[in-house]
Protein backbone atom coordinates (compact mmCIF):
# COMPACT_ATOMS: atom_id res chain seq x y z
CA MET A 1 96.12 75.27 110.66
CA VAL A 2 98.12 77.62 112.17
CA ASN A 3 98.72 77.38 116.19
CA ARG A 4 96.99 80.87 117.03
CA ARG A 5 98.67 81.09 120.54
CA HIS A 6 102.02 80.99 118.73
CA PHE A 7 100.90 83.07 115.89
CA LEU A 8 99.05 85.80 118.66
CA SER A 9 102.59 86.03 121.13
CA SER A 10 104.89 85.89 117.74
CA ILE A 11 103.57 88.48 115.52
CA ALA A 12 104.69 91.28 118.94
CA ALA A 13 107.91 90.35 118.43
CA ALA A 14 107.81 90.23 114.34
CA PRO A 15 110.44 93.37 113.34
CA LEU A 16 108.63 95.97 110.81
CA SER A 17 109.81 96.46 107.31
CA LEU A 18 108.79 99.15 104.65
CA SER A 19 112.14 100.80 106.84
CA ALA A 20 111.71 103.46 103.14
CA ALA A 21 108.54 104.51 104.92
CA PRO A 22 108.01 107.07 107.09
CA ALA A 23 105.72 105.21 109.68
CA ARG A 24 103.59 102.02 109.26
CA PRO A 25 100.11 103.61 108.35
CA ASN A 26 97.39 104.03 109.18
CA ILE A 27 94.85 101.79 107.69
CA ILE A 28 90.81 102.42 106.52
CA LEU A 29 89.31 99.60 105.04
CA ILE A 30 85.65 100.93 103.65
CA LEU A 31 83.52 97.36 102.37
CA ALA A 32 79.82 98.69 100.58
CA ASP A 33 77.53 95.81 100.80
CA ASP A 34 76.25 94.91 97.40
CA LEU A 35 77.36 97.81 95.29
CA GLY A 36 78.09 96.60 91.57
CA TYR A 37 81.17 96.87 89.68
CA GLY A 38 79.49 99.59 87.72
CA ASP A 39 77.52 101.42 90.56
CA LEU A 40 80.85 105.01 90.65
CA GLY A 41 81.26 107.11 88.27
CA CYS A 42 84.59 106.16 88.07
CA TYR A 43 83.77 102.56 86.57
CA GLY A 44 81.63 104.30 84.94
CA GLN A 45 78.35 105.16 85.54
CA THR A 46 76.72 108.20 84.63
CA ARG A 47 73.19 108.90 86.82
CA ILE A 48 74.49 108.29 90.06
CA GLN A 49 76.38 111.26 92.03
CA THR A 50 79.41 109.93 93.66
CA PRO A 51 82.74 112.71 93.47
CA ASN A 52 84.02 112.01 96.64
CA LEU A 53 84.50 108.47 95.22
CA ASP A 54 85.58 109.68 92.49
CA ARG A 55 87.86 112.04 93.61
CA MET A 56 89.53 109.63 95.45
CA ALA A 57 90.12 107.49 92.30
CA ALA A 58 91.33 110.54 90.54
CA GLU A 59 94.30 110.12 93.59
CA ALA A 60 94.57 106.59 93.63
CA ILE A 61 95.05 103.46 91.94
CA ARG A 62 91.33 101.78 90.53
CA PHE A 63 91.86 98.23 90.33
CA THR A 64 89.78 97.35 86.85
CA SER A 65 90.28 93.36 87.70
CA ALA A 66 89.66 93.17 92.08
CA TYR A 67 87.91 90.11 93.03
CA ALA A 68 85.37 89.26 95.95
CA GLY A 69 86.06 86.78 98.79
CA SER A 70 82.23 85.03 97.58
CA THR A 71 79.27 86.19 95.34
CA VAL A 72 76.98 86.90 98.60
CA CYS A 73 77.67 88.45 102.16
CA ALA A 74 79.20 86.43 104.66
CA PRO A 75 82.08 84.09 102.60
CA SER A 76 83.22 86.87 101.44
CA ARG A 77 83.75 88.70 104.52
CA CYS A 78 85.14 86.05 105.97
CA SER A 79 87.94 85.79 103.22
CA LEU A 80 88.75 89.54 103.50
CA MET A 81 89.27 88.77 107.61
CA THR A 82 90.90 85.65 106.93
CA GLY A 83 93.30 85.82 104.38
CA LEU A 84 91.84 82.50 102.83
CA HIS A 85 89.37 81.34 100.10
CA THR A 86 85.79 80.05 99.93
CA GLY A 87 87.94 76.34 98.86
CA HIS A 88 88.95 76.69 102.87
CA ALA A 89 87.03 79.45 104.24
CA ARG A 90 85.26 78.89 107.78
CA THR A 91 81.90 80.49 106.01
CA ARG A 92 81.61 79.39 102.60
CA GLY A 93 77.58 80.75 102.13
CA ASN A 94 74.91 83.00 104.05
CA ARG A 95 73.20 81.43 106.97
CA SER A 96 70.70 82.09 109.74
CA PRO A 97 72.49 82.64 112.65
CA ASP A 98 75.73 83.73 111.52
CA LEU A 99 78.36 81.06 111.41
CA PRO A 100 80.97 82.12 113.92
CA LEU A 101 84.66 82.37 113.39
CA ARG A 102 86.79 79.97 115.66
CA PRO A 103 89.14 80.90 118.61
CA GLN A 104 91.71 79.63 116.19
CA ASP A 105 90.46 81.03 112.77
CA VAL A 106 92.78 84.85 113.11
CA THR A 107 91.92 87.75 112.06
CA VAL A 108 93.21 90.42 110.01
CA ALA A 109 92.15 92.65 112.77
CA GLU A 110 93.78 90.05 114.99
CA VAL A 111 97.25 90.28 113.38
CA LEU A 112 97.30 94.79 113.11
CA LYS A 113 96.04 95.24 116.99
CA GLY A 114 99.33 92.28 117.83
CA VAL A 115 101.90 94.74 116.33
CA GLY A 116 100.43 97.84 118.09
CA TYR A 117 97.52 99.12 116.18
CA ARG A 118 94.11 100.58 117.07
CA THR A 119 91.32 98.77 116.09
CA ALA A 120 87.78 99.25 114.87
CA LEU A 121 84.55 97.64 113.18
CA PHE A 122 81.94 99.42 112.83
CA GLY A 123 78.80 98.39 110.60
CA LYS A 124 77.82 94.80 109.43
CA TRP A 125 79.98 91.85 110.78
CA SER A 126 78.96 88.57 109.38
CA LEU A 127 81.54 86.39 111.56
CA GLY A 128 79.95 86.09 114.62
CA GLU A 129 77.09 87.21 116.83
CA LEU A 130 76.69 88.44 120.34
CA GLY A 131 77.94 86.00 123.20
CA SER A 132 80.08 83.78 120.53
CA THR A 133 83.32 83.34 119.51
CA GLY A 134 83.75 84.75 116.07
CA TYR A 135 82.00 87.99 118.19
CA PRO A 136 84.21 91.00 117.50
CA THR A 137 86.08 92.16 120.51
CA ARG A 138 87.09 88.59 120.40
CA LYS A 139 88.32 88.69 116.96
CA GLY A 140 91.15 91.68 117.21
CA PHE A 141 88.99 94.35 117.39
CA ASP A 142 88.85 96.97 119.72
CA GLU A 143 86.32 98.83 119.49
CA TRP A 144 82.80 97.84 118.01
CA PHE A 145 79.78 99.43 117.07
CA GLY A 146 77.06 97.49 114.66
CA PHE A 147 74.53 95.65 114.22
CA PHE A 148 73.48 92.40 116.11
CA SER A 149 73.87 90.15 112.75
CA GLN A 150 73.74 89.58 109.46
CA LEU A 151 70.01 89.46 109.35
CA HIS A 152 69.86 92.71 111.12
CA ALA A 153 71.81 94.56 108.93
CA HIS A 154 68.58 94.52 106.73
CA ASN A 155 67.19 97.58 108.86
CA TYR A 156 68.32 100.52 107.84
CA TYR A 157 66.02 101.48 110.72
CA PRO A 158 67.03 99.74 113.90
CA GLU A 159 65.66 100.82 117.03
CA HIS A 160 69.14 99.61 119.01
CA LEU A 161 72.92 98.58 118.31
CA LEU A 162 75.46 96.79 119.85
CA ASP A 163 78.07 98.74 121.45
CA GLY A 164 80.69 96.73 122.53
CA GLU A 165 79.30 94.03 124.18
CA THR A 166 75.78 96.77 125.52
CA ALA A 167 72.70 97.60 123.50
CA PHE A 168 73.13 101.13 121.87
CA LEU A 169 69.27 102.76 121.75
CA CYS A 170 67.82 104.37 118.55
CA ARG A 171 66.42 106.43 120.16
CA GLY A 172 65.52 108.04 117.04
CA ASN A 173 63.71 105.17 115.94
CA MET A 174 61.41 104.05 118.61
CA GLY A 175 57.88 103.86 117.20
CA LEU A 176 57.47 105.29 114.18
CA GLN A 177 60.12 107.59 113.87
CA ARG A 178 62.74 107.50 111.22
CA LYS A 179 65.58 109.64 112.27
CA ASP A 180 68.95 107.63 113.24
CA TYR A 181 69.82 105.85 109.61
CA ALA A 182 72.21 103.77 110.38
CA PRO A 183 75.07 104.08 107.59
CA ASP A 184 74.80 107.87 109.06
CA LEU A 185 75.93 106.49 112.68
CA PHE A 186 78.48 104.32 111.43
CA THR A 187 80.06 107.46 109.91
CA ARG A 188 79.59 109.67 113.04
CA ARG A 189 81.47 107.06 114.65
CA ALA A 190 84.70 106.55 112.58
CA LEU A 191 84.72 110.55 112.03
CA GLN A 192 85.10 110.14 116.57
CA PHE A 193 87.25 107.37 116.31
CA ILE A 194 89.53 109.56 113.94
CA GLN A 195 89.40 112.55 115.55
CA LYS A 196 90.80 110.51 119.42
CA GLN A 197 94.31 109.03 117.72
CA ASN A 198 97.30 109.67 118.60
CA PRO A 199 99.11 110.63 115.58
CA SER A 200 102.22 108.20 116.59
CA ASN A 201 100.21 105.48 117.45
CA PRO A 202 99.03 103.72 113.89
CA PHE A 203 95.09 102.85 113.63
CA PHE A 204 92.93 100.01 111.45
CA LEU A 205 89.45 100.64 111.12
CA HIS A 206 87.17 98.64 109.08
CA LEU A 207 83.81 100.54 108.06
CA CYS A 208 81.41 98.39 107.20
CA TYR A 209 78.54 100.45 105.01
CA THR A 210 75.25 98.04 104.57
CA VAL A 211 74.67 100.26 101.44
CA PRO A 212 73.29 99.79 99.04
CA HIS A 213 71.93 96.62 100.68
CA ALA A 214 67.93 95.87 100.17
CA ASN A 215 65.66 96.14 103.62
CA ASN A 216 64.36 92.00 102.17
CA GLU A 217 61.35 91.92 104.13
CA MET A 218 60.49 95.72 103.23
CA GLY A 219 60.74 94.89 100.10
CA ARG A 220 58.46 92.10 99.74
CA ASP A 221 55.58 93.64 102.07
CA SER A 222 55.55 97.24 99.74
CA GLY A 223 57.53 96.65 96.47
CA ASP A 224 60.50 99.19 98.31
CA GLY A 225 63.19 97.89 100.49
CA MET A 226 65.77 100.74 99.16
CA GLU A 227 65.94 103.18 102.67
CA ALA A 228 67.18 106.33 102.11
CA PRO A 229 66.13 109.79 104.31
CA SER A 230 65.63 111.62 100.72
CA TYR A 231 65.69 111.14 97.53
CA GLY A 232 67.91 114.42 97.62
CA PRO A 233 69.39 115.14 93.77
CA TYR A 234 67.15 112.40 92.51
CA ALA A 235 63.41 113.78 93.74
CA ASN A 236 62.52 114.92 90.94
CA ARG A 237 63.55 112.46 88.43
CA PRO A 238 60.86 110.63 86.20
CA TRP A 239 62.72 106.77 87.88
CA PRO A 240 60.64 104.55 90.05
CA GLN A 241 61.26 105.10 93.71
CA PRO A 242 62.95 102.10 94.75
CA GLU A 243 65.51 103.05 91.76
CA LYS A 244 65.85 106.42 93.59
CA GLY A 245 66.42 105.45 96.97
CA PHE A 246 69.41 102.94 95.23
CA ALA A 247 70.95 106.11 93.91
CA ALA A 248 70.46 108.29 97.13
CA MET A 249 71.54 105.57 99.31
CA ILE A 250 75.17 105.46 97.55
CA THR A 251 75.00 109.15 97.37
CA ARG A 252 74.41 110.21 100.71
CA MET A 253 77.12 107.01 101.57
CA ASP A 254 79.98 108.89 99.54
CA ALA A 255 79.44 112.11 101.29
CA GLY A 256 80.03 110.42 104.07
CA ILE A 257 82.76 108.69 102.88
CA GLY A 258 84.22 112.47 101.65
CA ARG A 259 83.61 113.80 105.89
CA LEU A 260 86.07 111.04 106.92
CA PHE A 261 88.88 112.18 104.19
CA ALA A 262 87.67 116.03 105.63
CA ALA A 263 88.35 114.73 109.11
CA LEU A 264 92.10 112.65 108.25
CA LYS A 265 93.56 116.22 106.50
CA GLU A 266 92.40 118.01 109.15
CA LYS A 267 93.85 116.05 111.73
CA GLY A 268 96.62 116.09 110.32
CA LEU A 269 96.85 111.37 109.29
CA ASP A 270 95.41 111.44 105.41
CA ASP A 271 99.17 111.42 104.05
CA ASN A 272 99.94 108.32 105.32
CA THR A 273 96.76 106.21 105.73
CA LEU A 274 96.19 103.58 103.09
CA VAL A 275 92.17 103.85 102.51
CA ILE A 276 90.68 101.09 100.66
CA PHE A 277 87.33 101.06 99.32
CA THR A 278 85.73 97.92 97.66
CA SER A 279 81.90 96.46 97.68
CA ASP A 280 81.81 92.72 98.89
CA ASN A 281 80.27 91.38 95.81
CA GLY A 282 78.28 92.46 92.83
CA PRO A 283 74.88 93.78 92.73
CA HIS A 284 70.82 92.56 94.01
CA LYS A 285 68.16 92.35 92.47
CA GLU A 286 66.11 93.01 94.91
CA GLY A 287 64.13 95.18 97.19
CA GLY A 288 62.55 96.29 94.34
CA HIS A 289 65.47 97.20 92.63
CA SER A 290 66.34 95.85 89.33
CA PRO A 291 70.25 95.80 89.19
CA ALA A 292 69.45 96.61 84.66
CA PHE A 293 68.23 99.81 85.45
CA PHE A 294 71.94 101.65 86.07
CA GLU A 295 73.64 99.53 84.15
CA SER A 296 75.02 98.36 87.44
CA SER A 297 77.37 95.38 86.12
CA GLY A 298 78.58 97.88 83.90
CA PRO A 299 80.60 96.27 81.41
CA LEU A 300 79.95 92.82 83.20
CA ARG A 301 77.66 89.86 83.09
CA GLY A 302 75.98 88.03 86.34
CA ILE A 303 75.03 89.66 89.79
CA LYS A 304 74.86 88.89 93.27
CA ARG A 305 74.92 85.11 93.63
CA ASP A 306 75.96 84.14 90.06
CA LEU A 307 80.05 83.43 89.89
CA THR A 308 80.33 85.45 86.56
CA GLU A 309 82.34 88.26 86.72
CA GLY A 310 79.04 89.82 87.70
CA GLY A 311 78.92 88.33 90.80
CA ILE A 312 82.45 88.39 92.33
CA ARG A 313 84.45 91.79 89.92
CA VAL A 314 83.90 94.48 92.34
CA PRO A 315 85.36 97.92 92.39
CA ALA A 316 88.36 98.64 94.61
CA ILE A 317 90.22 101.69 94.78
CA ALA A 318 93.35 102.03 97.20
CA ARG A 319 94.92 105.80 98.17
CA TRP A 320 97.78 106.47 100.33
CA PRO A 321 99.39 109.32 99.29
CA ALA A 322 102.86 108.86 100.42
CA ARG A 323 103.38 105.87 98.92
CA ILE A 324 100.24 105.54 95.95
CA ARG A 325 101.24 107.69 93.23
CA PRO A 326 97.91 108.67 91.59
CA GLY A 327 95.90 109.17 89.54
CA GLN A 328 96.39 104.96 87.93
CA THR A 329 94.08 102.83 86.69
CA ILE A 330 95.69 98.86 86.59
CA ASP A 331 94.38 95.38 85.60
CA PHE A 332 96.77 93.62 88.07
CA PRO A 333 93.67 90.68 89.37
CA TRP A 334 93.72 90.30 93.10
CA ALA A 335 91.43 89.11 95.09
CA PHE A 336 90.06 89.56 99.34
CA TRP A 337 92.17 86.46 100.59
CA ASP A 338 95.18 88.97 99.56
CA VAL A 339 93.52 91.69 102.04
CA LEU A 340 95.46 89.82 105.37
CA PRO A 341 98.89 89.58 104.10
CA THR A 342 99.13 92.97 102.54
CA PHE A 343 98.23 94.64 105.72
CA ALA A 344 100.86 92.37 107.36
CA GLU A 345 103.19 93.74 105.17
CA LEU A 346 102.42 96.91 105.56
CA ALA A 347 102.26 96.81 109.73
CA GLY A 348 105.81 94.40 109.56
CA ALA A 349 103.91 91.85 111.75
CA ALA A 350 104.08 88.24 111.04
CA VAL A 351 101.95 86.76 108.43
CA PRO A 352 99.95 83.39 109.60
CA SER A 353 100.43 80.14 107.90
CA GLY A 354 98.77 78.52 105.68
CA LEU A 355 96.85 81.34 104.14
CA ASP A 356 95.43 81.82 100.29
CA GLY A 357 96.63 84.91 99.73
CA VAL A 358 99.87 86.97 98.76
CA SER A 359 100.59 90.84 100.08
CA ILE A 360 100.07 92.80 96.63
CA LEU A 361 102.41 95.68 98.59
CA PRO A 362 104.42 95.66 95.96
CA THR A 363 101.22 96.65 93.23
CA LEU A 364 100.55 99.47 95.28
CA LEU A 365 103.65 100.93 95.65
CA GLY A 366 104.52 100.75 92.00
CA GLN A 367 106.60 97.63 91.79
CA SER A 368 106.31 94.79 89.28
CA GLN A 369 104.72 91.20 90.83
CA LYS A 370 104.01 87.63 89.59
CA PRO A 371 99.96 87.05 89.70
CA HIS A 372 98.20 84.61 91.46
CA ALA A 373 98.43 81.29 89.11
CA TRP A 374 94.47 80.28 89.79
CA PHE A 375 91.83 81.98 92.11
CA TYR A 376 89.38 80.14 93.47
CA TRP A 377 85.08 80.46 94.44
CA GLU A 378 82.53 78.15 95.65
CA PHE A 379 79.22 78.34 95.86
CA HIS A 380 76.21 76.50 98.09
CA GLU A 381 73.14 78.62 97.20
CA GLY A 382 70.63 76.35 95.03
CA GLY A 383 73.36 73.81 95.00
CA PHE A 384 76.99 73.13 94.60
CA SER A 385 79.04 75.63 92.18
CA GLN A 386 82.67 76.17 91.52
CA ALA A 387 84.97 79.29 89.71
CA VAL A 388 87.95 79.15 88.92
CA ARG A 389 90.34 82.50 87.22
CA MET A 390 93.79 80.62 85.36
CA GLY A 391 95.57 83.67 83.64
CA PRO A 392 92.90 84.71 81.34
CA TRP A 393 91.02 81.80 81.19
CA LYS A 394 87.83 81.32 83.40
CA GLY A 395 85.55 77.78 84.42
CA ILE A 396 82.62 77.79 85.74
CA ARG A 397 80.70 74.68 86.51
CA LYS A 398 77.65 74.46 88.47
CA GLY A 399 76.89 70.33 90.54
CA LEU A 400 79.30 68.22 91.02
CA GLY A 401 81.17 66.40 87.74
CA GLY A 402 78.48 69.04 85.79
CA PRO A 403 80.44 70.52 82.49
CA ILE A 404 82.42 73.18 82.43
CA GLU A 405 81.85 76.54 81.04
CA LEU A 406 85.12 78.26 79.44
CA TYR A 407 85.31 82.01 79.03
CA ASN A 408 88.55 84.04 77.60
CA LEU A 409 88.04 86.67 79.69
CA ASP A 410 91.02 89.09 78.00
CA ASP A 411 89.05 88.44 74.33
CA ASP A 412 85.82 87.84 76.41
CA LEU A 413 85.08 90.00 79.55
CA ARG A 414 80.59 89.43 79.22
CA GLU A 415 81.90 85.81 79.60
CA SER A 416 79.35 84.84 76.51
CA ARG A 417 81.92 82.58 74.28
CA ASN A 418 81.73 78.93 76.03
CA LEU A 419 85.08 77.83 74.79
CA ALA A 420 85.47 74.05 76.85
CA GLN A 421 85.13 72.81 72.99
CA ASP A 422 88.06 74.28 71.06
CA ARG A 423 90.42 73.60 74.18
CA PRO A 424 89.88 70.47 76.38
CA ALA A 425 93.66 71.05 78.04
CA ILE A 426 92.83 74.09 79.69
CA VAL A 427 89.67 72.42 80.86
CA ARG A 428 91.67 69.48 82.06
CA GLU A 429 93.10 71.63 84.16
CA ILE A 430 90.71 73.83 85.80
CA THR A 431 88.39 70.78 86.53
CA ARG A 432 91.55 69.21 88.58
CA LEU A 433 91.85 72.62 90.28
CA MET A 434 88.35 72.44 91.64
CA SER A 435 89.77 69.41 93.12
CA GLU A 436 91.98 70.54 94.70
CA ALA A 437 91.41 73.12 95.41
CA ARG A 438 89.06 72.51 98.39
CA THR A 439 88.43 70.74 101.75
CA GLU A 440 85.41 69.40 102.73
CA SER A 441 83.42 70.90 104.73
CA GLU A 442 80.92 69.51 107.14
CA PHE A 443 78.81 72.80 107.14
CA TRP A 444 79.29 73.52 102.92
CA PRO A 445 79.11 70.19 102.23
CA ALA A 446 79.64 70.11 98.16
CA LYS A 447 76.62 68.12 96.65
CA ARG A 448 74.03 67.99 93.58
CA PRO A 449 71.63 71.03 92.31
CA ALA A 450 68.30 70.48 93.63
């Protein structure tokens, strides 16, 4: 791992790249929580209204082969922040309390802050609680407003949040009141952050909505863990209550994102701001919601906690009016661990050594680019499992030494035909990669299924 002190001192002196650009872009990275590949209109959804994200896609690149860092929240966000896949990342699974990032784990925010970006994080952070080495204000964020922990983030009407290193009281939620809806508070803080920015100084805003993650505890108690202030346009639909809530949550988030775009235009920042929207993993089956109801996985098989495509392939949209040609749909495969090197190149910053990711800036700018030779994931709930994508080939293995399932994604996107017996050479290569792509972890050891 790169020496953190040497790296953070070197990025401040790094020369700027992209001389053809008028200025280094502002960067906004919006992350939904448990939003499936098929939950947006621009990805084929027909019953949930997402007009602002659909408009964003029309003005941007819509990726059809973008991959989350993992199939659950914390490890996916760790890959996003550190540029490492789950064979090397600090966090490779969900746990409570959150496993904190260490001082030597360099984040996207630290890289950008080191070359003069103003940085902010609003919403959910799963990589270090208050007082830990992984706390947001210790990992490169100038401003931080959000939940105390990943578990706390299940609550859409919390009585308190964190504002920097102090408690923020949600007075509208005291007692039996339910007035301060957390996603709305995060939108409001993001708008305030944008309004106070100096156009001559670039910023990085990471907006982490918890939509449409379920309130799991409320779901277990009542059968409905999908919390929205109202059902909005879905109030009179003949749907189960959790499905009305699920749709309303997504549409309300979409409206908040529309307000962000309006604020950028009002401030004169829209043209040179790169906005990326994506989700941390596939759709959930929690809180009374069924992912089958809205066909949340789209054409893919599987959901959250699966290593099939439905668990890890996510919607991803990239909009930058100054540099990205609108109306594109691109099948170029990339993964969350590519975000850090991409943003570093955009900012003219040095890239930490030893990352698994590469910059996809050429693809964003319409240039040809060689794709990754392979992608790797591992997952630890219910036993150890692994997945590798190598070109069109996708291999999945459950348990140490278990058989490889092999699929050709070009011909079988739903991963319904196991071709392992027909392609022994491909199976051998994927088996080798599954062994060599990871290092052992004291917290996430490889072990046989429970």
